[in-house]
Amino acid sequence: MLDGRYIGILPCASCPGIRNELTVNQAGYFTLKEVYLDRERSTFRSKGRYTMSQNGTRLTLNDEDKRAYAVRDRQLCQVNADGDPAGEAYCLTRQDEFNGDGQQLFVAPESIKTSTVEGRKVVRFEALMNFEHRMQGGHKSLTATMEIDCAKREVDMPVIAYFEKHDAEGACLESTSTNGGKPLPIQDVQDDVIAQAAQRYCR
């Protein structure tokens, strides 16, 4: 399935990189956010329709730049003006996505790390969480480093930041990198997004 959110940091000649967040859906529409790292007022957005090649191996944005991507397993990789792959540095990776109960959780698959703590499996990853309604404290999204203790069925978030708007946009209302040691029980219900993540990653 092609639809989903694809993220990557692409090379930039005059900055540390350009964070690309490309979302495509089955209806043929896309949204693209480009953030030039270490620059103020450097976020650019575009949206519109995209087209697929007849054999399903190339996706082209119907925007001013007509950017094209080679379709790979869980990746969209930019191609140059000659139609050749631009290189691994120009690939965007599809995020794992979990939905339910007014929540949406995106996990960067390349960030998933597994370890053993006192004989228990612990899974650590970087995540973005959106909420349908504004939460207590005024946030509608958060980013966090999440640690799931598979045996204890607990989640800890040692690094966390709360944002005013969806997708970690708007004002950052609060952030901390010293939140560890406050694990929460994972709800044993299928429509809880963290429970869904635990079910997949604790196998």
N, C-alpha and C. Protein backbone atom coordinates (compact mmCIF):
# COMPACT_ATOMS: atom_id res chain seq x y z
N MET A 1 0.85 -1.19 0.00
CA MET A 1 0.00 0.00 0.00
C MET A 1 0.88 1.24 0.00
N LEU A 2 0.65 2.14 -0.93
CA LEU A 2 1.50 3.32 -1.09
C LEU A 2 1.19 4.42 -0.10
N ASP A 3 -0.10 4.61 0.24
CA ASP A 3 -0.47 5.78 1.04
C ASP A 3 0.17 5.74 2.41
N GLY A 4 0.54 6.94 2.91
CA GLY A 4 1.21 7.06 4.19
C GLY A 4 2.09 8.29 4.23
N ARG A 5 2.86 8.40 5.31
CA ARG A 5 3.75 9.54 5.50
C ARG A 5 5.19 9.06 5.32
N TYR A 6 5.94 9.78 4.49
CA TYR A 6 7.33 9.46 4.18
C TYR A 6 8.21 10.61 4.64
N ILE A 7 9.27 10.31 5.38
CA ILE A 7 10.10 11.35 5.97
C ILE A 7 11.58 11.05 5.71
N GLY A 8 12.34 12.11 5.48
CA GLY A 8 13.79 11.99 5.34
C GLY A 8 14.43 13.36 5.38
N ILE A 9 15.72 13.40 5.68
CA ILE A 9 16.48 14.66 5.65
C ILE A 9 17.38 14.61 4.42
N LEU A 10 17.08 15.47 3.46
CA LEU A 10 17.79 15.47 2.18
C LEU A 10 18.95 16.45 2.21
N PRO A 11 19.97 16.22 1.37
CA PRO A 11 21.14 17.12 1.35
C PRO A 11 20.76 18.55 0.98
N CYS A 12 21.54 19.49 1.53
CA CYS A 12 21.33 20.92 1.27
C CYS A 12 22.70 21.57 1.14
N ALA A 13 22.89 22.40 0.09
CA ALA A 13 24.20 23.02 -0.15
C ALA A 13 24.53 24.09 0.88
N SER A 14 23.50 24.74 1.44
CA SER A 14 23.76 25.89 2.31
C SER A 14 23.21 25.72 3.73
N CYS A 15 22.84 24.49 4.10
CA CYS A 15 22.33 24.24 5.45
C CYS A 15 22.59 22.77 5.79
N PRO A 16 22.38 22.38 7.05
CA PRO A 16 22.66 20.98 7.43
C PRO A 16 21.78 19.95 6.74
N GLY A 17 20.66 20.36 6.17
CA GLY A 17 19.77 19.43 5.50
C GLY A 17 18.37 19.99 5.38
N ILE A 18 17.55 19.33 4.57
CA ILE A 18 16.17 19.74 4.38
C ILE A 18 15.28 18.57 4.79
N ARG A 19 14.53 18.76 5.86
CA ARG A 19 13.62 17.71 6.32
C ARG A 19 12.38 17.72 5.43
N ASN A 20 12.14 16.60 4.75
CA ASN A 20 10.98 16.45 3.88
C ASN A 20 9.96 15.54 4.55
N GLU A 21 8.70 15.98 4.59
CA GLU A 21 7.60 15.17 5.09
C GLU A 21 6.55 15.12 3.98
N LEU A 22 6.49 14.00 3.29
CA LEU A 22 5.58 13.83 2.16
C LEU A 22 4.49 12.83 2.53
N THR A 23 3.24 13.28 2.45
CA THR A 23 2.10 12.41 2.74
C THR A 23 1.29 12.21 1.46
N VAL A 24 1.02 10.97 1.12
CA VAL A 24 0.23 10.67 -0.07
C VAL A 24 -0.94 9.77 0.34
N ASN A 25 -2.07 9.89 -0.36
CA ASN A 25 -3.21 9.03 -0.05
C ASN A 25 -3.70 8.33 -1.30
N GLN A 26 -4.56 7.36 -1.11
CA GLN A 26 -5.03 6.54 -2.22
C GLN A 26 -5.90 7.32 -3.20
N ALA A 27 -6.42 8.46 -2.76
CA ALA A 27 -7.27 9.28 -3.63
C ALA A 27 -6.45 10.07 -4.65
N GLY A 28 -5.12 10.03 -4.53
CA GLY A 28 -4.26 10.71 -5.50
C GLY A 28 -3.80 12.09 -5.09
N TYR A 29 -3.90 12.42 -3.79
CA TYR A 29 -3.49 13.74 -3.31
C TYR A 29 -2.23 13.62 -2.45
N PHE A 30 -1.47 14.73 -2.41
CA PHE A 30 -0.26 14.77 -1.58
C PHE A 30 -0.19 16.07 -0.81
N THR A 31 0.54 16.06 0.29
CA THR A 31 0.97 17.27 0.99
C THR A 31 2.47 17.11 1.25
N LEU A 32 3.20 18.19 1.10
CA LEU A 32 4.66 18.16 1.28
C LEU A 32 5.07 19.32 2.16
N LYS A 33 5.81 19.02 3.23
CA LYS A 33 6.40 20.05 4.08
C LYS A 33 7.91 19.92 4.01
N GLU A 34 8.58 21.03 3.69
CA GLU A 34 10.04 21.06 3.63
C GLU A 34 10.55 22.05 4.66
N VAL A 35 11.44 21.59 5.53
CA VAL A 35 12.00 22.43 6.59
C VAL A 35 13.50 22.51 6.41
N TYR A 36 14.01 23.73 6.16
CA TYR A 36 15.45 23.94 6.05
C TYR A 36 16.01 24.05 7.47
N LEU A 37 16.84 23.09 7.84
CA LEU A 37 17.34 23.02 9.21
C LEU A 37 18.26 24.19 9.52
N ASP A 38 18.18 24.67 10.76
CA ASP A 38 19.02 25.77 11.26
C ASP A 38 18.76 27.09 10.54
N ARG A 39 17.55 27.28 10.02
CA ARG A 39 17.17 28.56 9.43
C ARG A 39 15.84 29.00 10.03
N GLU A 40 15.69 30.29 10.23
CA GLU A 40 14.42 30.82 10.71
C GLU A 40 13.48 31.04 9.54
N ARG A 41 12.19 30.86 9.80
CA ARG A 41 11.15 31.06 8.78
C ARG A 41 11.51 30.32 7.49
N SER A 42 11.81 29.04 7.64
CA SER A 42 12.30 28.27 6.50
C SER A 42 11.47 27.03 6.23
N THR A 43 10.17 27.10 6.51
CA THR A 43 9.27 25.98 6.25
C THR A 43 8.41 26.29 5.04
N PHE A 44 8.39 25.37 4.10
CA PHE A 44 7.63 25.55 2.86
C PHE A 44 6.66 24.39 2.69
N ARG A 45 5.44 24.70 2.28
CA ARG A 45 4.40 23.68 2.13
C ARG A 45 3.82 23.73 0.73
N SER A 46 3.46 22.57 0.23
CA SER A 46 2.76 22.47 -1.04
C SER A 46 1.81 21.29 -0.98
N LYS A 47 0.80 21.32 -1.81
CA LYS A 47 -0.16 20.22 -1.85
C LYS A 47 -0.78 20.18 -3.24
N GLY A 48 -1.38 19.07 -3.55
CA GLY A 48 -2.01 18.91 -4.86
C GLY A 48 -2.21 17.44 -5.17
N ARG A 49 -2.19 17.14 -6.42
CA ARG A 49 -2.37 15.76 -6.87
C ARG A 49 -1.05 15.18 -7.33
N TYR A 50 -0.99 13.86 -7.32
CA TYR A 50 0.17 13.17 -7.87
C TYR A 50 -0.31 12.14 -8.89
N THR A 51 0.61 11.72 -9.75
CA THR A 51 0.29 10.69 -10.74
C THR A 51 1.28 9.53 -10.57
N MET A 52 0.81 8.34 -10.93
CA MET A 52 1.66 7.16 -10.89
C MET A 52 1.93 6.69 -12.31
N SER A 53 3.12 6.17 -12.53
CA SER A 53 3.42 5.58 -13.83
C SER A 53 2.56 4.33 -14.02
N GLN A 54 2.42 3.91 -15.27
CA GLN A 54 1.54 2.79 -15.58
C GLN A 54 1.96 1.50 -14.87
N ASN A 55 3.27 1.32 -14.69
CA ASN A 55 3.74 0.10 -14.03
C ASN A 55 3.88 0.26 -12.52
N GLY A 56 3.51 1.45 -12.00
CA GLY A 56 3.49 1.67 -10.57
C GLY A 56 4.85 1.84 -9.92
N THR A 57 5.88 2.14 -10.70
CA THR A 57 7.23 2.27 -10.13
C THR A 57 7.68 3.71 -9.96
N ARG A 58 6.87 4.67 -10.43
CA ARG A 58 7.27 6.08 -10.31
C ARG A 58 6.08 6.94 -9.93
N LEU A 59 6.30 7.82 -8.95
CA LEU A 59 5.29 8.77 -8.49
C LEU A 59 5.78 10.17 -8.81
N THR A 60 4.91 10.98 -9.42
CA THR A 60 5.27 12.35 -9.79
C THR A 60 4.29 13.33 -9.17
N LEU A 61 4.83 14.35 -8.48
CA LEU A 61 3.99 15.39 -7.89
C LEU A 61 3.60 16.38 -8.98
N ASN A 62 2.32 16.70 -9.05
CA ASN A 62 1.87 17.67 -10.04
C ASN A 62 1.97 19.08 -9.45
N ASP A 63 3.21 19.45 -9.11
CA ASP A 63 3.47 20.79 -8.59
C ASP A 63 4.40 21.51 -9.55
N GLU A 64 4.84 22.68 -9.16
CA GLU A 64 5.67 23.50 -10.06
C GLU A 64 6.96 22.80 -10.43
N ASP A 65 7.55 22.05 -9.49
CA ASP A 65 8.84 21.40 -9.75
C ASP A 65 8.72 20.03 -10.40
N LYS A 66 7.50 19.46 -10.43
CA LYS A 66 7.28 18.13 -11.02
C LYS A 66 8.26 17.10 -10.46
N ARG A 67 8.43 17.11 -9.15
CA ARG A 67 9.35 16.16 -8.54
C ARG A 67 8.85 14.73 -8.72
N ALA A 68 9.78 13.84 -9.03
CA ALA A 68 9.43 12.44 -9.26
C ALA A 68 10.21 11.55 -8.30
N TYR A 69 9.58 10.44 -7.92
CA TYR A 69 10.17 9.51 -6.97
C TYR A 69 10.05 8.08 -7.49
N ALA A 70 11.13 7.33 -7.34
CA ALA A 70 11.06 5.89 -7.60
C ALA A 70 10.41 5.23 -6.40
N VAL A 71 9.47 4.33 -6.66
CA VAL A 71 8.74 3.65 -5.59
C VAL A 71 9.49 2.37 -5.21
N ARG A 72 9.93 2.30 -3.96
CA ARG A 72 10.61 1.12 -3.44
C ARG A 72 9.80 0.57 -2.27
N ASP A 73 10.27 -0.52 -1.70
CA ASP A 73 9.62 -1.08 -0.53
C ASP A 73 9.77 -0.13 0.64
N ARG A 74 8.68 0.51 1.06
CA ARG A 74 8.63 1.44 2.18
C ARG A 74 9.45 2.71 1.95
N GLN A 75 9.83 3.00 0.73
CA GLN A 75 10.59 4.21 0.44
C GLN A 75 10.12 4.88 -0.84
N LEU A 76 10.26 6.21 -0.88
CA LEU A 76 10.13 7.00 -2.11
C LEU A 76 11.46 7.71 -2.30
N CYS A 77 12.12 7.46 -3.43
CA CYS A 77 13.47 8.00 -3.66
C CYS A 77 13.45 8.93 -4.87
N GLN A 78 13.90 10.17 -4.69
CA GLN A 78 13.87 11.16 -5.76
C GLN A 78 14.71 10.70 -6.94
N VAL A 79 14.23 11.06 -8.14
CA VAL A 79 15.00 10.83 -9.35
C VAL A 79 15.37 12.19 -9.93
N ASN A 80 16.46 12.24 -10.69
CA ASN A 80 16.91 13.51 -11.25
C ASN A 80 16.21 13.82 -12.57
N ALA A 81 16.63 14.90 -13.21
CA ALA A 81 15.96 15.35 -14.44
C ALA A 81 16.07 14.32 -15.55
N ASP A 82 17.10 13.48 -15.51
CA ASP A 82 17.26 12.43 -16.53
C ASP A 82 16.46 11.18 -16.21
N GLY A 83 15.79 11.18 -15.06
CA GLY A 83 15.00 10.02 -14.68
C GLY A 83 15.78 8.96 -13.94
N ASP A 84 17.03 9.27 -13.58
CA ASP A 84 17.87 8.31 -12.86
C ASP A 84 17.77 8.55 -11.35
N PRO A 85 17.95 7.52 -10.54
CA PRO A 85 17.91 7.71 -9.09
C PRO A 85 18.94 8.74 -8.63
N ALA A 86 18.55 9.63 -7.72
CA ALA A 86 19.45 10.67 -7.24
C ALA A 86 20.41 10.16 -6.17
N GLY A 87 20.17 8.97 -5.65
CA GLY A 87 21.05 8.40 -4.63
C GLY A 87 20.31 8.13 -3.33
N GLU A 88 20.92 7.28 -2.48
CA GLU A 88 20.28 6.89 -1.23
C GLU A 88 20.01 8.08 -0.31
N ALA A 89 20.81 9.14 -0.43
CA ALA A 89 20.62 10.31 0.43
C ALA A 89 19.33 11.04 0.13
N TYR A 90 18.69 10.69 -0.99
CA TYR A 90 17.46 11.39 -1.41
C TYR A 90 16.22 10.51 -1.26
N CYS A 91 16.28 9.56 -0.34
CA CYS A 91 15.15 8.66 -0.11
C CYS A 91 14.36 9.07 1.13
N LEU A 92 13.04 8.97 1.04
CA LEU A 92 12.14 9.19 2.16
C LEU A 92 11.59 7.84 2.59
N THR A 93 11.51 7.63 3.90
CA THR A 93 11.09 6.34 4.44
C THR A 93 9.69 6.44 5.03
N ARG A 94 8.85 5.46 4.71
CA ARG A 94 7.50 5.44 5.23
C ARG A 94 7.49 5.18 6.73
N GLN A 95 6.70 5.97 7.47
CA GLN A 95 6.58 5.81 8.90
C GLN A 95 5.56 4.73 9.24
N ASP A 96 5.83 3.97 10.30
CA ASP A 96 4.80 3.06 10.81
C ASP A 96 3.67 3.92 11.38
N GLU A 97 2.44 3.53 11.13
CA GLU A 97 1.29 4.34 11.53
C GLU A 97 0.28 3.50 12.30
N PHE A 98 -0.20 4.04 13.42
CA PHE A 98 -1.20 3.39 14.24
C PHE A 98 -2.32 4.39 14.51
N ASN A 99 -3.59 3.94 14.40
CA ASN A 99 -4.73 4.84 14.56
C ASN A 99 -5.78 4.21 15.47
N GLY A 100 -6.44 5.07 16.27
CA GLY A 100 -7.53 4.58 17.12
C GLY A 100 -7.84 5.52 18.26
N ASP A 101 -9.10 5.55 18.66
CA ASP A 101 -9.55 6.28 19.85
C ASP A 101 -9.12 7.74 19.84
N GLY A 102 -9.27 8.41 18.69
CA GLY A 102 -8.94 9.83 18.59
C GLY A 102 -7.45 10.13 18.63
N GLN A 103 -6.63 9.10 18.39
CA GLN A 103 -5.18 9.28 18.42
C GLN A 103 -4.55 8.74 17.15
N GLN A 104 -3.38 9.27 16.84
CA GLN A 104 -2.61 8.84 15.68
C GLN A 104 -1.14 8.82 16.09
N LEU A 105 -0.48 7.67 15.90
CA LEU A 105 0.91 7.51 16.30
C LEU A 105 1.75 7.16 15.08
N PHE A 106 2.81 7.94 14.86
CA PHE A 106 3.78 7.67 13.80
C PHE A 106 5.11 7.30 14.44
N VAL A 107 5.72 6.23 13.94
CA VAL A 107 7.00 5.76 14.47
C VAL A 107 8.02 5.72 13.33
N ALA A 108 9.19 6.30 13.59
CA ALA A 108 10.28 6.25 12.60
C ALA A 108 10.90 4.85 12.65
N PRO A 109 10.72 4.03 11.61
CA PRO A 109 11.19 2.64 11.70
C PRO A 109 12.69 2.51 11.88
N GLU A 110 13.46 3.46 11.34
CA GLU A 110 14.91 3.37 11.47
C GLU A 110 15.38 3.65 12.89
N SER A 111 14.49 4.20 13.74
CA SER A 111 14.87 4.52 15.12
C SER A 111 14.60 3.37 16.08
N ILE A 112 13.94 2.31 15.63
CA ILE A 112 13.55 1.21 16.54
C ILE A 112 14.77 0.41 16.98
N LYS A 113 14.97 0.35 18.30
CA LYS A 113 16.08 -0.40 18.89
C LYS A 113 15.53 -1.34 19.96
N THR A 114 16.03 -2.55 20.00
CA THR A 114 15.60 -3.54 20.98
C THR A 114 16.75 -3.90 21.90
N SER A 115 16.46 -3.97 23.21
CA SER A 115 17.47 -4.35 24.18
C SER A 115 16.85 -5.28 25.22
N THR A 116 17.69 -5.83 26.08
CA THR A 116 17.22 -6.69 27.17
C THR A 116 17.62 -6.07 28.49
N VAL A 117 16.64 -5.84 29.36
CA VAL A 117 16.87 -5.24 30.68
C VAL A 117 16.37 -6.22 31.73
N GLU A 118 17.29 -6.76 32.53
CA GLU A 118 16.94 -7.75 33.56
C GLU A 118 16.10 -8.88 32.98
N GLY A 119 16.49 -9.33 31.79
CA GLY A 119 15.82 -10.45 31.14
C GLY A 119 14.55 -10.09 30.40
N ARG A 120 14.18 -8.80 30.40
CA ARG A 120 12.94 -8.37 29.74
C ARG A 120 13.27 -7.63 28.44
N LYS A 121 12.43 -7.84 27.43
CA LYS A 121 12.61 -7.14 26.16
C LYS A 121 12.09 -5.71 26.28
N VAL A 122 12.93 -4.75 25.88
CA VAL A 122 12.55 -3.34 25.88
C VAL A 122 12.77 -2.79 24.47
N VAL A 123 11.74 -2.14 23.93
CA VAL A 123 11.79 -1.57 22.59
C VAL A 123 11.77 -0.05 22.71
N ARG A 124 12.72 0.61 22.06
CA ARG A 124 12.87 2.07 22.12
C ARG A 124 12.73 2.64 20.71
N PHE A 125 12.00 3.75 20.57
CA PHE A 125 11.84 4.36 19.24
C PHE A 125 11.44 5.82 19.38
N GLU A 126 11.58 6.56 18.26
CA GLU A 126 11.16 7.96 18.18
C GLU A 126 9.76 8.02 17.58
N ALA A 127 8.89 8.84 18.17
CA ALA A 127 7.49 8.84 17.75
C ALA A 127 6.90 10.24 17.74
N LEU A 128 5.86 10.39 16.92
CA LEU A 128 5.02 11.58 16.88
C LEU A 128 3.59 11.12 17.15
N MET A 129 2.88 11.82 18.04
CA MET A 129 1.53 11.43 18.40
C MET A 129 0.59 12.62 18.24
N ASN A 130 -0.46 12.45 17.44
CA ASN A 130 -1.49 13.48 17.25
C ASN A 130 -2.74 13.10 18.03
N PHE A 131 -3.45 14.12 18.50
CA PHE A 131 -4.70 13.92 19.23
C PHE A 131 -5.84 14.64 18.50
N GLU A 132 -6.97 13.98 18.40
CA GLU A 132 -8.11 14.57 17.70
C GLU A 132 -8.58 15.84 18.41
N HIS A 133 -8.58 15.82 19.72
CA HIS A 133 -9.03 16.97 20.51
C HIS A 133 -7.87 17.51 21.34
N ARG A 134 -7.93 18.79 21.65
CA ARG A 134 -6.90 19.40 22.47
C ARG A 134 -6.88 18.74 23.85
N MET A 135 -5.69 18.40 24.31
CA MET A 135 -5.55 17.67 25.56
C MET A 135 -5.36 18.64 26.72
N GLN A 136 -5.48 18.12 27.93
CA GLN A 136 -5.21 18.93 29.11
C GLN A 136 -3.78 19.44 29.03
N GLY A 137 -3.61 20.73 29.18
CA GLY A 137 -2.30 21.34 28.97
C GLY A 137 -2.24 22.09 27.66
N GLY A 138 -3.27 21.89 26.82
CA GLY A 138 -3.38 22.68 25.59
C GLY A 138 -2.73 22.10 24.35
N HIS A 139 -2.15 20.91 24.44
CA HIS A 139 -1.44 20.37 23.28
C HIS A 139 -2.35 19.51 22.40
N LYS A 140 -2.02 19.47 21.10
CA LYS A 140 -2.70 18.58 20.16
C LYS A 140 -1.75 17.56 19.55
N SER A 141 -0.48 17.64 19.91
CA SER A 141 0.48 16.63 19.46
C SER A 141 1.68 16.62 20.40
N LEU A 142 2.44 15.55 20.31
CA LEU A 142 3.68 15.46 21.06
C LEU A 142 4.68 14.63 20.28
N THR A 143 5.95 14.89 20.54
CA THR A 143 7.02 14.01 20.05
C THR A 143 7.69 13.42 21.27
N ALA A 144 8.15 12.18 21.15
CA ALA A 144 8.73 11.53 22.31
C ALA A 144 9.65 10.40 21.90
N THR A 145 10.64 10.17 22.76
CA THR A 145 11.36 8.91 22.74
C THR A 145 10.58 7.96 23.63
N MET A 146 10.06 6.90 23.06
CA MET A 146 9.23 5.96 23.83
C MET A 146 10.00 4.67 24.07
N GLU A 147 9.83 4.14 25.29
CA GLU A 147 10.42 2.85 25.66
C GLU A 147 9.32 1.94 26.16
N ILE A 148 9.10 0.83 25.46
CA ILE A 148 8.07 -0.13 25.84
C ILE A 148 8.73 -1.33 26.51
N ASP A 149 8.35 -1.59 27.75
CA ASP A 149 8.77 -2.80 28.46
C ASP A 149 7.74 -3.88 28.13
N CYS A 150 8.15 -4.82 27.29
CA CYS A 150 7.19 -5.79 26.76
C CYS A 150 6.63 -6.71 27.84
N ALA A 151 7.45 -7.09 28.83
CA ALA A 151 6.99 -8.00 29.87
C ALA A 151 6.09 -7.28 30.87
N LYS A 152 6.46 -6.08 31.27
CA LYS A 152 5.67 -5.34 32.25
C LYS A 152 4.46 -4.64 31.64
N ARG A 153 4.42 -4.56 30.29
CA ARG A 153 3.34 -3.85 29.60
C ARG A 153 3.26 -2.40 30.08
N GLU A 154 4.44 -1.72 30.04
CA GLU A 154 4.55 -0.33 30.44
C GLU A 154 5.26 0.47 29.35
N VAL A 155 4.96 1.77 29.30
CA VAL A 155 5.65 2.66 28.37
C VAL A 155 6.23 3.83 29.16
N ASP A 156 7.48 4.15 28.88
CA ASP A 156 8.15 5.29 29.48
C ASP A 156 8.50 6.26 28.35
N MET A 157 8.52 7.56 28.65
CA MET A 157 8.85 8.57 27.65
C MET A 157 9.91 9.50 28.23
N PRO A 158 11.19 9.09 28.20
CA PRO A 158 12.24 9.88 28.83
C PRO A 158 12.46 11.25 28.19
N VAL A 159 12.17 11.36 26.89
CA VAL A 159 12.28 12.65 26.18
C VAL A 159 10.92 12.94 25.58
N ILE A 160 10.37 14.13 25.87
CA ILE A 160 9.03 14.43 25.39
C ILE A 160 8.88 15.93 25.17
N ALA A 161 8.10 16.31 24.15
CA ALA A 161 7.79 17.71 23.87
C ALA A 161 6.34 17.80 23.42
N TYR A 162 5.64 18.83 23.90
CA TYR A 162 4.22 19.03 23.61
C TYR A 162 4.05 20.24 22.68
N PHE A 163 3.15 20.09 21.69
CA PHE A 163 2.98 21.15 20.69
C PHE A 163 1.53 21.60 20.59
N GLU A 164 1.37 22.85 20.21
CA GLU A 164 0.06 23.49 20.13
C GLU A 164 -0.81 22.91 19.03
N LYS A 165 -0.17 22.46 17.93
CA LYS A 165 -0.92 21.99 16.76
C LYS A 165 -0.50 20.57 16.39
N HIS A 166 -1.25 19.98 15.48
CA HIS A 166 -0.92 18.65 14.98
C HIS A 166 0.46 18.62 14.32
N ASP A 167 1.03 17.43 14.25
CA ASP A 167 2.29 17.18 13.54
C ASP A 167 3.45 17.98 14.10
N ALA A 168 3.44 18.21 15.42
CA ALA A 168 4.52 18.93 16.11
C ALA A 168 4.72 20.32 15.55
N GLU A 169 3.63 20.98 15.21
CA GLU A 169 3.69 22.34 14.70
C GLU A 169 3.09 23.31 15.71
N GLY A 170 3.25 24.60 15.42
CA GLY A 170 2.81 25.62 16.35
C GLY A 170 3.80 25.75 17.49
N ALA A 171 3.40 26.43 18.56
CA ALA A 171 4.30 26.65 19.69
C ALA A 171 4.61 25.36 20.42
N CYS A 172 5.87 25.21 20.84
CA CYS A 172 6.24 24.11 21.74
C CYS A 172 5.87 24.56 23.15
N LEU A 173 4.88 23.92 23.74
CA LEU A 173 4.35 24.35 25.02
C LEU A 173 5.23 23.93 26.19
N GLU A 174 5.89 22.79 26.04
CA GLU A 174 6.76 22.28 27.11
C GLU A 174 7.62 21.16 26.53
N SER A 175 8.83 21.04 27.04
CA SER A 175 9.69 19.94 26.62
C SER A 175 10.65 19.58 27.74
N THR A 176 11.05 18.32 27.79
CA THR A 176 12.01 17.87 28.78
C THR A 176 12.73 16.62 28.30
N SER A 177 13.99 16.50 28.70
CA SER A 177 14.77 15.29 28.39
C SER A 177 15.08 14.52 29.67
N THR A 178 14.33 14.84 30.74
CA THR A 178 14.57 14.18 32.03
C THR A 178 13.28 13.58 32.58
N ASN A 179 12.45 13.07 31.68
CA ASN A 179 11.14 12.55 32.08
C ASN A 179 11.17 11.05 32.37
N GLY A 180 12.34 10.42 32.25
CA GLY A 180 12.43 8.98 32.43
C GLY A 180 12.11 8.52 33.83
N GLY A 181 11.76 7.24 33.97
CA GLY A 181 11.46 6.68 35.27
C GLY A 181 10.04 6.89 35.72
N LYS A 182 9.16 7.28 34.77
CA LYS A 182 7.74 7.47 35.08
C LYS A 182 6.88 6.63 34.14
N PRO A 183 7.08 5.31 34.16
CA PRO A 183 6.35 4.45 33.20
C PRO A 183 4.85 4.45 33.48
N LEU A 184 4.11 4.32 32.39
CA LEU A 184 2.66 4.24 32.46
C LEU A 184 2.20 2.87 31.98
N PRO A 185 1.14 2.30 32.56
CA PRO A 185 0.63 1.02 32.06
C PRO A 185 0.06 1.17 30.66
N ILE A 186 0.28 0.19 29.82
CA ILE A 186 -0.28 0.18 28.47
C ILE A 186 -1.69 -0.39 28.55
N GLN A 187 -2.64 0.36 28.03
CA GLN A 187 -4.04 -0.09 28.09
C GLN A 187 -4.22 -1.35 27.25
N ASP A 188 -4.94 -2.29 27.81
CA ASP A 188 -5.16 -3.56 27.12
C ASP A 188 -6.41 -3.48 26.26
N VAL A 189 -6.41 -2.48 25.34
CA VAL A 189 -7.53 -2.30 24.42
C VAL A 189 -6.97 -2.10 23.02
N GLN A 190 -7.66 -2.65 22.02
CA GLN A 190 -7.13 -2.68 20.67
C GLN A 190 -7.07 -1.30 20.03
N ASP A 191 -7.96 -0.36 20.45
CA ASP A 191 -7.97 0.94 19.79
C ASP A 191 -7.01 1.94 20.44
N ASP A 192 -6.17 1.49 21.38
CA ASP A 192 -5.11 2.34 21.93
C ASP A 192 -3.88 2.22 21.05
N VAL A 193 -3.34 3.35 20.58
CA VAL A 193 -2.27 3.29 19.59
C VAL A 193 -0.97 2.75 20.17
N ILE A 194 -0.69 3.02 21.43
CA ILE A 194 0.53 2.48 22.04
C ILE A 194 0.40 0.98 22.24
N ALA A 195 -0.80 0.51 22.55
CA ALA A 195 -1.03 -0.93 22.65
C ALA A 195 -0.82 -1.60 21.29
N GLN A 196 -1.23 -0.92 20.22
CA GLN A 196 -1.02 -1.45 18.87
C GLN A 196 0.47 -1.55 18.56
N ALA A 197 1.23 -0.49 18.93
CA ALA A 197 2.67 -0.50 18.70
C ALA A 197 3.34 -1.62 19.51
N ALA A 198 2.93 -1.78 20.75
CA ALA A 198 3.48 -2.84 21.59
C ALA A 198 3.21 -4.22 21.00
N GLN A 199 2.03 -4.40 20.46
CA GLN A 199 1.67 -5.69 19.86
C GLN A 199 2.58 -6.01 18.68
N ARG A 200 2.91 -4.99 17.89
CA ARG A 200 3.77 -5.23 16.72
C ARG A 200 5.23 -5.42 17.11
N TYR A 201 5.75 -4.53 17.96
CA TYR A 201 7.20 -4.52 18.22
C TYR A 201 7.63 -5.51 19.29
N CYS A 202 6.71 -6.01 20.09
CA CYS A 202 7.09 -6.95 21.16
C CYS A 202 7.01 -8.41 20.72
N ARG A 203 6.76 -8.67 19.48
CA ARG A 203 6.67 -10.04 19.00
C ARG A 203 7.99 -10.76 19.19
